Amino acid sequence: MSMTPSAHVDTFTRDHLPPADTWPALEFTLPELQYPERLNAAVALIDSAVAEYGADRPALRTPDGTVWTYGELQKRSNQVAQVLTEDLGVVPGNRVLLRGPNNPWIVAAWLGVLKAGAVVVTTMPMLRSSEVATLIELTMPVVAISDHRFVDDLEAAAGGVAVVTYGGHDDGDLTERCSAKSGTFSTVDTAADDVALLGPTSGTTGVPKVTMHFHRDILANADTFAKHILQPTPDDVFAGSPPLAFTFGLGGLVVFPLRFGASSLLTEKAGPVELAERAAAAGATVFFTAPTAYRAILKEGRGDLLRNLRIAVSAGEHLSKETWEAVHAVTGLRLVNGIGSTELLHVFISAAGDNIRPGTTGKAVPGYRAAILDDDGKELEPGHSGRLAVIGPTGCRYLDDPRQSKYVVGGWNVTGDTFSRDEDGYFTYQARSDDMIVSSGYNIGAPEVEAAIDQHPDVVENAVIGRSDPERGTVVCAFVVLRDGVIGDAAKRKEIQDFVKATIAPYKYPRELRFVTGLPRNPSGKLQHFKLRDSLVGETQQLTAAGQSQA
């Protein structure tokens, strides 16, 4: 596969792209997807925006009333690029790890890394030191930029990586370093197919997969889903819950608003109702969150907070027809459903307005096409369930990972979801077809949780599956075998749950934990997760039958 000459001095990312014959097919079918060979996404997102919309237009907002204009964001991202190149010796192609909650400085850092021609490694601030250490080992960053409140686990894992904090008060703080810079920087002339972003995704083997995205990929999702489904205007104010380390949040709260001259409300941490309150106070018109949050807002009787939105997006987990109808009844909003993946960067199946059919996810977004495949990779006719497969301007490229051949089959990106398609091209979700647990919009790899539980001294073995839950979609359910003499009571349950929270990101902990005397295995000793799932299905059926008999 022919690639444009790279601007990268450090060739790590190109050297570790998967073999060309394992790439998915790429299609650039829309005029807006015809990108030049030389392209830096930061130029398109901030420099071009300043030129087109003006330096004084609001870009980033925070709940305390702080507003960064496009001009201020441009200057600070240039200053970050200056600090990286002049003070820290970063050269094009080096990786820079970012760690922090949703706030303006993490956006400035993200843009500054791209301007310097470096590669952003996005990470969740909730990750523990062992998880961060794994990502550092995989991506080999030379610098890590962290919010000063989240630096402890990072420093414990950093090894020889230079760590720079922001938001503190010491002389080495990034904000202090930036204040000493001119804010003028000549952005590195990267190739459109130079790697710009490394995005870790939770896998089902316990080892994270790292997706690789080019500069053109960052713009492609704005020029497909955002342009054609959301149809943003410069007067829009975007708001939502997903962290910027998730590509769902990166698109919805950074790339999309900047691409169209709009602004974004960045909220570090808030529950669903508080988030909706802040969004309403800021005059938000476009809202991103998971179905769990919409249900919570309605449950608290605060659907009124959503009524002034122009459009509300639900993604990250399955949106049921019941939730869609409940939101519509209270607010009048027609929730935009969608499915995307870190591998393709953002949403590729969706619908908006009168094109929405409640209960379905939608149709292939303009610029993408989708199909349902059988187990042999053959495309199925409408009305049949099978593996969802997608082709478009973005696609899966894992960093040096043999799992590339599982995600890409015959040129298709095979997402790991089971869907059906009707005669009109609408796709309807059936289930996940792997061991991923999607809970409240978070992807949680069951083996990673199992590995954390196994580290507890009283645990002999365990198995983790997802259990259906009306509020969260799915919750992590763990079956735990304790060592002899240890009592499996409520105190021990909480102890293990707290242990997991301290070992890996807290949102991954098992909300349900059952003590058992043994786990089902086949004759060769392989754990049979399906039997545990079947037992939960049997319980649900028994409870349903009992409820019907009582009625």
Protein backbone atom coordinates (compact mmCIF):
# COMPACT_ATOMS: atom_id res chain seq x y z
CA MET A 1 0.00 0.00 0.00
CA SER A 2 1.51 3.31 -1.12
CA MET A 3 1.80 5.98 1.56
CA THR A 4 2.74 9.65 1.37
CA PRO A 5 6.29 10.56 2.50
CA SER A 6 6.12 11.01 6.26
CA ALA A 7 7.10 14.07 8.27
CA HIS A 8 7.99 11.82 11.19
CA VAL A 9 11.61 11.77 12.31
CA ASP A 10 10.71 9.07 14.83
CA THR A 11 9.26 6.35 12.60
CA PHE A 12 7.84 4.17 15.40
CA THR A 13 4.21 4.41 14.33
CA ARG A 14 4.76 3.72 10.64
CA ASP A 15 7.13 0.91 11.53
CA HIS A 16 4.41 -0.68 13.67
CA LEU A 17 1.42 -0.33 11.37
CA PRO A 18 -0.14 -3.72 10.60
CA PRO A 19 0.90 -5.39 7.32
CA ALA A 20 -0.81 -3.72 4.36
CA ASP A 21 -2.60 -6.91 3.34
CA THR A 22 -4.41 -6.96 6.72
CA TRP A 23 -5.81 -3.44 6.41
CA PRO A 24 -9.51 -2.89 5.82
CA ALA A 25 -10.70 -1.46 2.52
CA LEU A 26 -10.85 2.34 2.65
CA GLU A 27 -13.37 4.36 0.65
CA PHE A 28 -13.54 8.14 0.17
CA THR A 29 -16.85 8.46 -1.62
CA LEU A 30 -17.87 12.00 -0.61
CA PRO A 31 -16.33 15.21 -2.02
CA GLU A 32 -15.53 16.41 1.51
CA LEU A 33 -13.39 13.30 2.08
CA GLN A 34 -10.91 14.20 -0.68
CA TYR A 35 -8.09 15.39 1.59
CA PRO A 36 -4.75 16.80 0.38
CA GLU A 37 -1.64 14.65 0.74
CA ARG A 38 -0.15 17.05 3.29
CA LEU A 39 -2.49 17.63 6.21
CA ASN A 40 -2.20 18.42 9.90
CA ALA A 41 -5.51 17.97 11.70
CA ALA A 42 -4.69 20.73 14.19
CA VAL A 43 -4.39 23.26 11.37
CA ALA A 44 -7.84 22.31 10.13
CA LEU A 45 -9.39 22.35 13.60
CA ILE A 46 -7.95 25.55 15.08
CA ASP A 47 -5.90 27.60 12.61
CA SER A 48 -8.44 27.32 9.80
CA ALA A 49 -11.27 27.91 12.27
CA VAL A 50 -9.68 31.15 13.47
CA ALA A 51 -9.27 32.27 9.87
CA GLU A 52 -12.86 31.42 8.94
CA TYR A 53 -14.83 32.26 12.07
CA GLY A 54 -12.63 34.80 13.85
CA ALA A 55 -10.37 34.72 16.90
CA ASP A 56 -13.01 36.12 19.22
CA ARG A 57 -15.59 33.35 18.74
CA PRO A 58 -16.09 31.20 21.90
CA ALA A 59 -14.46 27.77 21.60
CA LEU A 60 -14.29 26.13 25.04
CA ARG A 61 -16.52 26.76 28.05
CA THR A 62 -16.45 25.45 31.63
CA PRO A 63 -19.27 25.33 34.21
CA ASP A 64 -17.68 28.14 36.26
CA GLY A 65 -18.21 30.56 33.38
CA THR A 66 -14.69 30.48 31.94
CA VAL A 67 -14.60 30.88 28.17
CA TRP A 68 -11.63 30.33 25.89
CA THR A 69 -11.97 31.93 22.47
CA TYR A 70 -10.67 30.34 19.30
CA GLY A 71 -7.78 32.81 19.39
CA GLU A 72 -6.88 31.90 22.97
CA LEU A 73 -7.05 28.17 22.19
CA GLN A 74 -4.85 28.68 19.15
CA LYS A 75 -2.25 30.61 21.16
CA ARG A 76 -2.17 28.08 23.99
CA SER A 77 -1.92 25.09 21.67
CA ASN A 78 0.98 26.85 19.90
CA GLN A 79 2.60 27.45 23.29
CA VAL A 80 2.23 23.75 24.17
CA ALA A 81 3.90 22.86 20.86
CA GLN A 82 6.72 25.28 21.72
CA VAL A 83 7.22 23.72 25.15
CA LEU A 84 7.28 20.23 23.65
CA THR A 85 9.79 21.05 20.90
CA GLU A 86 11.93 23.77 22.51
CA ASP A 87 12.05 22.63 26.14
CA LEU A 88 11.45 18.88 25.99
CA GLY A 89 13.08 17.97 22.69
CA VAL A 90 10.04 16.32 21.15
CA VAL A 91 10.48 15.57 17.44
CA PRO A 92 7.84 14.63 14.85
CA GLY A 93 6.65 11.07 15.38
CA ASN A 94 7.42 10.97 19.12
CA ARG A 95 4.49 9.87 21.25
CA VAL A 96 3.08 12.15 23.95
CA LEU A 97 0.72 10.64 26.53
CA LEU A 98 -2.12 12.77 27.88
CA ARG A 99 -3.90 12.21 31.19
CA GLY A 100 -6.59 14.45 32.58
CA PRO A 101 -10.32 15.15 32.87
CA ASN A 102 -12.33 17.17 30.36
CA ASN A 103 -11.00 20.72 30.62
CA PRO A 104 -9.54 23.37 28.27
CA TRP A 105 -5.89 22.61 28.96
CA ILE A 106 -6.20 18.98 27.90
CA VAL A 107 -7.64 20.23 24.59
CA ALA A 108 -4.79 22.72 24.17
CA ALA A 109 -2.30 19.93 24.89
CA TRP A 110 -4.01 17.61 22.40
CA LEU A 111 -3.83 20.22 19.65
CA GLY A 112 -0.29 21.20 20.62
CA VAL A 113 0.95 17.64 20.28
CA LEU A 114 -0.51 17.44 16.76
CA LYS A 115 0.98 20.81 15.83
CA ALA A 116 4.40 19.54 16.90
CA GLY A 117 3.97 16.60 14.52
CA ALA A 118 3.93 14.22 17.47
CA VAL A 119 1.42 11.43 18.15
CA VAL A 120 -1.19 11.75 20.90
CA VAL A 121 -1.70 8.79 23.25
CA THR A 122 -5.05 9.37 24.92
CA THR A 123 -5.61 7.79 28.33
CA MET A 124 -8.35 7.79 30.94
CA PRO A 125 -7.44 9.65 34.14
CA MET A 126 -9.08 6.86 36.16
CA LEU A 127 -6.55 4.24 35.03
CA ARG A 128 -4.31 2.82 37.76
CA SER A 129 -0.52 2.65 37.58
CA SER A 130 -0.44 -0.95 36.30
CA GLU A 131 -2.80 -0.05 33.46
CA VAL A 132 -0.83 3.07 32.58
CA ALA A 133 2.41 1.08 32.66
CA THR A 134 0.98 -1.34 30.09
CA LEU A 135 0.06 1.51 27.75
CA ILE A 136 3.49 3.10 28.18
CA GLU A 137 5.12 -0.21 27.31
CA LEU A 138 2.96 -0.55 24.20
CA THR A 139 3.21 3.02 22.88
CA MET A 140 6.63 4.12 24.17
CA PRO A 141 5.92 7.85 24.77
CA VAL A 142 8.78 10.25 25.44
CA VAL A 143 6.67 12.76 27.39
CA ALA A 144 3.51 12.50 29.49
CA ILE A 145 1.32 15.54 30.19
CA SER A 146 -0.98 15.16 33.19
CA ASP A 147 -3.41 17.20 35.21
CA HIS A 148 -1.60 17.72 38.53
CA ARG A 149 -4.45 16.02 40.41
CA PHE A 150 -3.97 12.75 38.50
CA VAL A 151 -0.21 12.45 38.42
CA ASP A 152 0.46 9.91 41.19
CA ASP A 153 -0.44 6.73 39.29
CA LEU A 154 1.26 8.13 36.20
CA GLU A 155 4.54 8.87 37.97
CA ALA A 156 4.49 5.39 39.51
CA ALA A 157 4.28 3.91 36.01
CA ALA A 158 6.31 6.40 33.99
CA GLY A 159 9.76 4.84 34.22
CA GLY A 160 12.00 7.05 32.07
CA VAL A 161 9.16 9.08 30.58
CA ALA A 162 9.33 12.82 31.31
CA VAL A 163 6.19 13.89 33.20
CA VAL A 164 4.88 17.46 32.93
CA THR A 165 1.86 18.53 34.99
CA TYR A 166 -0.60 21.33 34.39
CA GLY A 167 -2.89 23.23 36.73
CA GLY A 168 -0.49 23.30 39.68
CA HIS A 169 1.68 26.11 40.97
CA ASP A 170 5.28 24.95 40.57
CA ASP A 171 7.71 26.53 38.11
CA GLY A 172 7.74 23.45 35.90
CA ASP A 173 3.97 23.44 35.44
CA LEU A 174 2.91 23.38 31.79
CA THR A 175 0.79 26.51 32.22
CA GLU A 176 3.77 28.40 33.63
CA ARG A 177 6.04 27.16 30.84
CA CYS A 178 3.46 28.21 28.26
CA SER A 179 3.21 31.73 29.67
CA ALA A 180 6.88 32.21 28.81
CA LYS A 181 6.35 31.28 25.15
CA SER A 182 5.38 33.59 22.29
CA GLY A 183 2.42 31.56 21.08
CA THR A 184 3.75 31.61 17.53
CA PHE A 185 4.57 28.21 16.05
CA SER A 186 5.06 26.81 12.56
CA THR A 187 2.95 23.65 12.57
CA VAL A 188 4.75 20.56 11.28
CA ASP A 189 3.69 19.71 7.71
CA THR A 190 2.55 16.16 8.37
CA ALA A 191 1.20 13.78 5.77
CA ALA A 192 -2.53 13.10 5.75
CA ASP A 193 -1.63 9.46 6.43
CA ASP A 194 0.86 10.14 9.20
CA VAL A 195 -0.37 8.64 12.48
CA ALA A 196 -1.79 11.38 14.70
CA LEU A 197 -3.54 9.44 17.44
CA LEU A 198 -3.08 6.18 19.33
CA GLY A 199 -6.33 5.23 21.03
CA PRO A 200 -6.35 2.30 23.47
CA THR A 201 -9.47 0.16 23.49
CA SER A 202 -10.48 -2.37 26.12
CA GLY A 203 -10.06 -5.86 24.76
CA THR A 204 -11.39 -9.22 25.79
CA THR A 205 -7.98 -10.78 26.43
CA GLY A 206 -7.02 -8.41 29.23
CA VAL A 207 -4.33 -6.78 27.05
CA PRO A 208 -5.52 -3.48 25.54
CA LYS A 209 -5.50 -3.05 21.80
CA VAL A 210 -4.14 0.26 20.56
CA THR A 211 -5.82 1.74 17.50
CA MET A 212 -3.85 3.91 15.08
CA HIS A 213 -5.50 6.89 13.38
CA PHE A 214 -4.17 9.25 10.74
CA HIS A 215 -4.58 13.03 10.56
CA ARG A 216 -7.21 12.60 7.85
CA ASP A 217 -9.14 10.12 10.02
CA ILE A 218 -9.69 12.77 12.70
CA LEU A 219 -11.43 14.99 10.16
CA ALA A 220 -13.29 12.18 8.39
CA ASN A 221 -15.65 11.51 11.27
CA ALA A 222 -16.56 15.19 11.45
CA ASP A 223 -17.13 15.24 7.70
CA THR A 224 -19.40 12.18 7.82
CA PHE A 225 -21.40 11.67 11.03
CA ALA A 226 -21.19 15.24 12.32
CA LYS A 227 -21.81 16.99 9.01
CA HIS A 228 -24.58 14.75 7.73
CA ILE A 229 -26.34 13.61 10.93
CA LEU A 230 -25.74 16.42 13.45
CA GLN A 231 -25.47 19.24 10.87
CA PRO A 232 -23.66 21.62 13.27
CA THR A 233 -23.66 25.40 12.95
CA PRO A 234 -21.27 27.94 14.52
CA ASP A 235 -24.00 28.85 17.00
CA ASP A 236 -24.17 25.35 18.48
CA VAL A 237 -22.91 24.59 21.99
CA PHE A 238 -21.86 20.96 22.44
CA ALA A 239 -21.99 19.24 25.85
CA GLY A 240 -21.81 15.70 27.14
CA SER A 241 -20.45 13.11 29.53
CA PRO A 242 -17.85 11.02 27.63
CA PRO A 243 -14.19 11.56 28.55
CA LEU A 244 -11.97 12.96 25.81
CA ALA A 245 -9.85 9.81 26.09
CA PHE A 246 -12.80 7.98 24.51
CA THR A 247 -13.03 8.71 20.81
CA PHE A 248 -16.79 9.21 21.33
CA GLY A 249 -15.97 12.14 23.62
CA LEU A 250 -13.06 13.39 21.52
CA GLY A 251 -15.32 13.69 18.51
CA GLY A 252 -18.38 15.06 20.24
CA LEU A 253 -16.64 17.59 22.48
CA VAL A 254 -13.52 18.61 20.53
CA VAL A 255 -13.34 17.64 16.87
CA PHE A 256 -16.95 18.25 15.85
CA PRO A 257 -17.42 21.70 17.43
CA LEU A 258 -14.03 22.97 16.26
CA ARG A 259 -14.56 21.65 12.73
CA PHE A 260 -17.73 23.74 12.39
CA GLY A 261 -16.87 26.85 14.41
CA ALA A 262 -19.06 25.92 17.37
CA SER A 263 -18.21 25.82 21.08
CA SER A 264 -18.02 23.06 23.67
CA LEU A 265 -18.87 22.88 27.37
CA LEU A 266 -16.22 20.79 29.13
CA THR A 267 -17.31 19.25 32.42
CA GLU A 268 -14.71 17.42 34.49
CA LYS A 269 -17.11 15.28 36.51
CA ALA A 270 -20.85 15.30 37.01
CA GLY A 271 -23.74 12.91 37.48
CA PRO A 272 -26.43 12.80 34.78
CA VAL A 273 -28.73 15.40 36.34
CA GLU A 274 -25.89 17.74 37.27
CA LEU A 275 -24.49 17.43 33.75
CA ALA A 276 -27.90 18.26 32.28
CA GLU A 277 -28.20 21.24 34.62
CA ARG A 278 -24.84 22.60 33.56
CA ALA A 279 -25.61 21.99 29.89
CA ALA A 280 -28.91 23.85 30.20
CA ALA A 281 -27.23 26.76 32.02
CA ALA A 282 -24.63 27.03 29.24
CA GLY A 283 -27.30 27.02 26.54
CA ALA A 284 -26.18 23.69 25.10
CA THR A 285 -27.84 22.69 21.84
CA VAL A 286 -26.07 19.36 21.12
CA PHE A 287 -25.79 16.75 23.87
CA PHE A 288 -23.85 13.47 24.01
CA THR A 289 -24.32 10.77 26.63
CA ALA A 290 -25.28 7.13 27.13
CA PRO A 291 -28.84 5.76 27.48
CA THR A 292 -28.14 5.16 31.18
CA ALA A 293 -27.82 8.91 31.72
CA TYR A 294 -31.00 9.75 29.83
CA ARG A 295 -32.90 7.23 31.97
CA ALA A 296 -31.43 8.70 35.15
CA ILE A 297 -32.44 12.24 34.14
CA LEU A 298 -36.02 11.11 33.51
CA LYS A 299 -36.09 9.07 36.72
CA GLU A 300 -35.25 12.22 38.69
CA GLY A 301 -38.06 14.08 36.94
CA ARG A 302 -35.69 16.51 35.22
CA GLY A 303 -36.51 15.93 31.58
CA ASP A 304 -37.20 19.67 31.39
CA LEU A 305 -33.43 20.23 31.37
CA LEU A 306 -33.22 18.65 27.92
CA ARG A 307 -36.06 20.49 26.20
CA ASN A 308 -33.96 23.33 24.77
CA LEU A 309 -31.53 20.99 23.02
CA ARG A 310 -31.53 20.99 19.23
CA ILE A 311 -30.26 17.42 19.07
CA ALA A 312 -29.38 14.72 21.62
CA VAL A 313 -27.12 11.79 20.79
CA SER A 314 -27.22 8.42 22.52
CA ALA A 315 -24.29 6.09 22.02
CA GLY A 316 -21.87 3.92 23.95
CA GLU A 317 -24.45 1.20 24.57
CA HIS A 318 -27.70 -0.11 23.16
CA LEU A 319 -30.58 2.39 23.14
CA SER A 320 -33.82 0.51 23.69
CA LYS A 321 -37.05 1.53 22.02
CA GLU A 322 -38.57 2.00 25.49
CA THR A 323 -35.91 4.54 26.50
CA TRP A 324 -36.23 6.37 23.17
CA GLU A 325 -39.99 6.65 23.58
CA ALA A 326 -39.75 7.75 27.23
CA VAL A 327 -37.33 10.58 26.35
CA HIS A 328 -39.49 11.64 23.41
CA ALA A 329 -42.66 11.66 25.51
CA VAL A 330 -41.15 13.92 28.18
CA THR A 331 -38.91 16.20 26.13
CA GLY A 332 -40.08 16.01 22.52
CA LEU A 333 -36.51 15.06 21.53
CA ARG A 334 -35.97 12.36 18.94
CA LEU A 335 -32.79 10.79 20.33
CA VAL A 336 -30.13 10.18 17.70
CA ASN A 337 -28.99 6.61 18.15
CA GLY A 338 -25.67 5.43 16.80
CA ILE A 339 -22.99 2.80 16.90
CA GLY A 340 -19.30 3.49 16.49
CA SER A 341 -16.04 1.98 17.64
CA THR A 342 -12.58 3.09 18.65
CA GLU A 343 -11.30 1.13 15.65
CA LEU A 344 -13.22 3.39 13.25
CA LEU A 345 -12.93 6.40 15.57
CA HIS A 346 -16.61 7.38 15.84
CA VAL A 347 -20.19 6.67 14.75
CA PHE A 348 -20.78 4.95 11.40
CA ILE A 349 -24.45 3.89 11.68
CA SER A 350 -27.07 6.40 12.77
CA ALA A 351 -30.13 8.44 11.74
CA ALA A 352 -31.60 11.80 12.65
CA GLY A 353 -34.90 13.64 12.55
CA ASP A 354 -37.68 12.07 10.51
CA ASN A 355 -35.30 9.32 9.35
CA ILE A 356 -35.19 7.83 12.86
CA ARG A 357 -36.99 4.53 13.41
CA PRO A 358 -37.23 3.87 17.17
CA GLY A 359 -35.76 0.51 18.10
CA THR A 360 -33.24 0.54 15.26
CA THR A 361 -29.73 1.99 15.34
CA GLY A 362 -30.15 3.62 11.94
CA LYS A 363 -28.58 3.38 8.49
CA ALA A 364 -24.98 3.59 7.36
CA VAL A 365 -23.79 7.19 7.77
CA PRO A 366 -22.98 8.91 4.44
CA GLY A 367 -19.40 7.96 3.58
CA TYR A 368 -19.77 4.47 5.08
CA ARG A 369 -21.48 1.27 3.98
CA ALA A 370 -22.41 -1.66 6.16
CA ALA A 371 -23.45 -5.27 5.76
CA ILE A 372 -24.39 -8.33 7.78
CA LEU A 373 -21.98 -11.26 7.37
CA ASP A 374 -22.34 -14.92 8.25
CA ASP A 375 -19.59 -16.90 9.98
CA ASP A 376 -17.91 -17.55 6.62
CA GLY A 377 -17.76 -13.88 5.70
CA LYS A 378 -20.61 -14.07 3.19
CA GLU A 379 -23.02 -11.13 3.05
CA LEU A 380 -26.51 -12.04 4.27
CA GLU A 381 -29.79 -10.93 2.80
CA PRO A 382 -32.07 -8.54 4.74
CA GLY A 383 -33.94 -10.10 7.63
CA HIS A 384 -31.05 -12.28 8.85
CA SER A 385 -28.90 -11.73 11.94
CA GLY A 386 -25.14 -11.90 11.72
CA ARG A 387 -21.90 -10.01 12.21
CA LEU A 388 -21.97 -6.28 11.58
CA ALA A 389 -19.32 -5.26 9.03
CA VAL A 390 -18.42 -1.74 7.91
CA ILE A 391 -16.27 -0.03 5.25
CA GLY A 392 -15.60 3.70 4.97
CA PRO A 393 -12.90 6.39 5.12
CA THR A 394 -11.65 5.14 8.50
CA GLY A 395 -10.81 1.63 9.58
CA CYS A 396 -9.04 -0.66 12.01
CA ARG A 397 -5.28 -0.51 12.26
CA TYR A 398 -3.96 -2.00 15.49
CA LEU A 399 -0.52 -1.17 16.80
CA ASP A 400 1.53 -4.32 16.24
CA ASP A 401 -1.27 -6.69 17.29
CA PRO A 402 -2.18 -10.12 15.88
CA ARG A 403 -5.85 -9.38 16.63
CA GLN A 404 -5.85 -7.24 13.47
CA SER A 405 -6.79 -10.33 11.45
CA LYS A 406 -9.86 -10.91 13.64
CA TYR A 407 -11.27 -7.41 13.28
CA VAL A 408 -10.60 -7.08 9.56
CA VAL A 409 -12.12 -9.85 7.44
CA GLY A 410 -12.13 -9.67 3.66
CA GLY A 411 -11.61 -5.91 3.76
CA TRP A 412 -14.53 -5.38 6.16
CA ASN A 413 -14.24 -4.01 9.70
CA VAL A 414 -16.11 -6.67 11.70
CA THR A 415 -17.14 -4.92 14.90
CA GLY A 416 -17.96 -7.83 17.20
CA ASP A 417 -21.66 -6.92 17.30
CA THR A 418 -24.57 -9.02 16.11
CA PHE A 419 -27.10 -7.02 14.08
CA SER A 420 -29.88 -7.54 11.59
CA ARG A 421 -30.75 -5.34 8.59
CA ASP A 422 -34.15 -4.74 7.04
CA GLU A 423 -35.12 -4.13 3.42
CA ASP A 424 -34.76 -0.36 3.84
CA GLY A 425 -31.19 -0.56 5.10
CA TYR A 426 -31.95 0.02 8.79
CA PHE A 427 -29.75 -1.90 11.22
CA THR A 428 -31.05 -3.31 14.51
CA TYR A 429 -28.78 -4.36 17.37
CA GLN A 430 -29.06 -7.90 18.72
CA ALA A 431 -26.11 -8.44 21.08
CA ARG A 432 -22.36 -8.23 21.53
CA SER A 433 -20.71 -11.22 19.93
CA ASP A 434 -17.62 -11.31 22.12
CA ASP A 435 -16.77 -11.00 25.80
CA MET A 436 -16.94 -7.22 25.97
CA ILE A 437 -19.18 -5.87 28.70
CA VAL A 438 -20.72 -2.50 27.81
CA SER A 439 -21.93 -0.87 31.03
CA SER A 440 -23.30 2.68 31.10
CA GLY A 441 -21.40 3.37 27.89
CA TYR A 442 -18.04 2.06 29.18
CA ASN A 443 -16.33 -0.85 27.45
CA ILE A 444 -15.02 -3.30 30.04
CA GLY A 445 -12.99 -6.37 29.12
CA ALA A 446 -14.08 -9.29 31.32
CA PRO A 447 -10.59 -10.91 31.42
CA GLU A 448 -9.07 -7.69 32.75
CA VAL A 449 -11.53 -7.67 35.66
CA GLU A 450 -10.88 -11.37 36.26
CA ALA A 451 -7.14 -10.68 36.43
CA ALA A 452 -7.69 -7.93 39.01
CA ILE A 453 -9.94 -10.12 41.20
CA ASP A 454 -7.43 -12.95 41.00
CA GLN A 455 -4.84 -10.72 42.70
CA HIS A 456 -6.86 -10.69 45.93
CA PRO A 457 -5.18 -13.05 48.41
CA ASP A 458 -8.44 -14.80 49.35
CA VAL A 459 -9.51 -15.57 45.78
CA VAL A 460 -8.75 -19.00 44.29
CA GLU A 461 -10.35 -18.35 40.92
CA ASN A 462 -13.12 -16.30 39.36
CA ALA A 463 -15.09 -15.71 36.19
CA VAL A 464 -16.64 -12.46 34.99
CA ILE A 465 -19.59 -11.99 32.66
CA GLY A 466 -22.10 -9.27 31.90
CA ARG A 467 -25.57 -9.38 33.44
CA SER A 468 -28.46 -7.50 31.89
CA ASP A 469 -29.50 -4.48 33.94
CA PRO A 470 -32.42 -2.12 33.29
CA GLU A 471 -30.51 0.98 34.43
CA ARG A 472 -26.97 0.41 33.12
CA GLY A 473 -27.69 -1.85 30.19
CA THR A 474 -25.22 -4.39 31.56
CA VAL A 475 -23.32 -4.71 34.83
CA VAL A 476 -20.14 -6.62 35.60
CA CYS A 477 -21.01 -9.83 37.44
CA ALA A 478 -18.25 -11.89 39.04
CA PHE A 479 -18.41 -15.51 40.25
CA VAL A 480 -15.73 -15.96 42.89
CA VAL A 481 -14.27 -19.07 44.53
CA LEU A 482 -12.63 -18.28 47.88
CA ARG A 483 -9.82 -20.20 49.54
CA ASP A 484 -10.78 -22.68 52.25
CA GLY A 485 -11.82 -21.18 55.56
CA VAL A 486 -12.68 -17.73 54.17
CA ILE A 487 -16.30 -16.72 54.65
CA GLY A 488 -18.04 -15.22 51.67
CA ASP A 489 -20.21 -12.63 53.38
CA ALA A 490 -21.20 -9.04 52.62
CA ALA A 491 -18.01 -7.68 54.21
CA LYS A 492 -15.79 -9.92 52.05
CA ARG A 493 -17.79 -8.95 48.98
CA LYS A 494 -17.21 -5.24 49.61
CA GLU A 495 -13.56 -5.89 50.41
CA ILE A 496 -12.99 -7.54 47.02
CA GLN A 497 -14.95 -4.85 45.20
CA ASP A 498 -12.86 -2.12 46.86
CA PHE A 499 -9.71 -4.09 46.03
CA VAL A 500 -10.65 -4.13 42.35
CA LYS A 501 -11.39 -0.39 42.40
CA ALA A 502 -7.88 0.21 43.74
CA THR A 503 -6.27 -2.13 41.20
CA ILE A 504 -7.89 -1.04 37.92
CA ALA A 505 -10.14 1.84 36.89
CA PRO A 506 -13.01 2.01 39.43
CA TYR A 507 -15.76 1.88 36.81
CA LYS A 508 -14.67 -1.67 35.94
CA TYR A 509 -15.39 -3.17 39.35
CA PRO A 510 -17.99 -5.99 39.66
CA ARG A 511 -21.21 -4.41 40.88
CA GLU A 512 -22.52 -7.93 41.44
CA LEU A 513 -20.25 -10.49 43.11
CA ARG A 514 -21.37 -14.04 43.85
CA PHE A 515 -19.46 -16.55 45.93
CA VAL A 516 -19.49 -20.08 44.49
CA THR A 517 -17.76 -23.36 45.36
CA GLY A 518 -16.56 -24.01 41.82
CA LEU A 519 -16.66 -22.82 38.20
CA PRO A 520 -17.86 -24.79 35.16
CA ARG A 521 -15.07 -26.12 32.95
CA ASN A 522 -14.87 -28.42 29.95
CA PRO A 523 -12.81 -31.67 30.01
CA SER A 524 -9.67 -29.82 28.97
CA GLY A 525 -10.08 -27.39 31.86
CA LYS A 526 -11.25 -24.39 29.86
CA LEU A 527 -13.63 -22.13 31.73
CA GLN A 528 -17.15 -22.20 30.31
CA HIS A 529 -18.45 -18.65 30.59
CA PHE A 530 -21.51 -19.52 28.55
CA LYS A 531 -22.80 -21.77 31.34
CA LEU A 532 -22.64 -18.86 33.76
CA ARG A 533 -24.52 -16.68 31.27
CA ASP A 534 -27.10 -19.44 30.84
CA SER A 535 -27.57 -19.61 34.61
CA LEU A 536 -28.36 -15.89 34.71
CA VAL A 537 -30.81 -16.27 31.85
CA GLY A 538 -32.47 -19.12 33.76
CA GLU A 539 -32.76 -16.94 36.86
CA THR A 540 -34.36 -14.15 34.84
CA GLN A 541 -36.86 -16.56 33.33
CA GLN A 542 -37.73 -17.97 36.76
CA LEU A 543 -38.24 -14.47 38.19
CA THR A 544 -40.41 -13.51 35.24
CA ALA A 545 -42.47 -16.67 35.61
CA ALA A 546 -42.85 -16.09 39.35
CA GLY A 547 -43.98 -12.52 38.74
CA GLN A 548 -46.55 -13.63 36.18
CA SER A 549 -47.93 -16.32 38.50
CA GLN A 550 -48.29 -13.80 41.33
CA ALA A 551 -50.10 -11.43 38.99
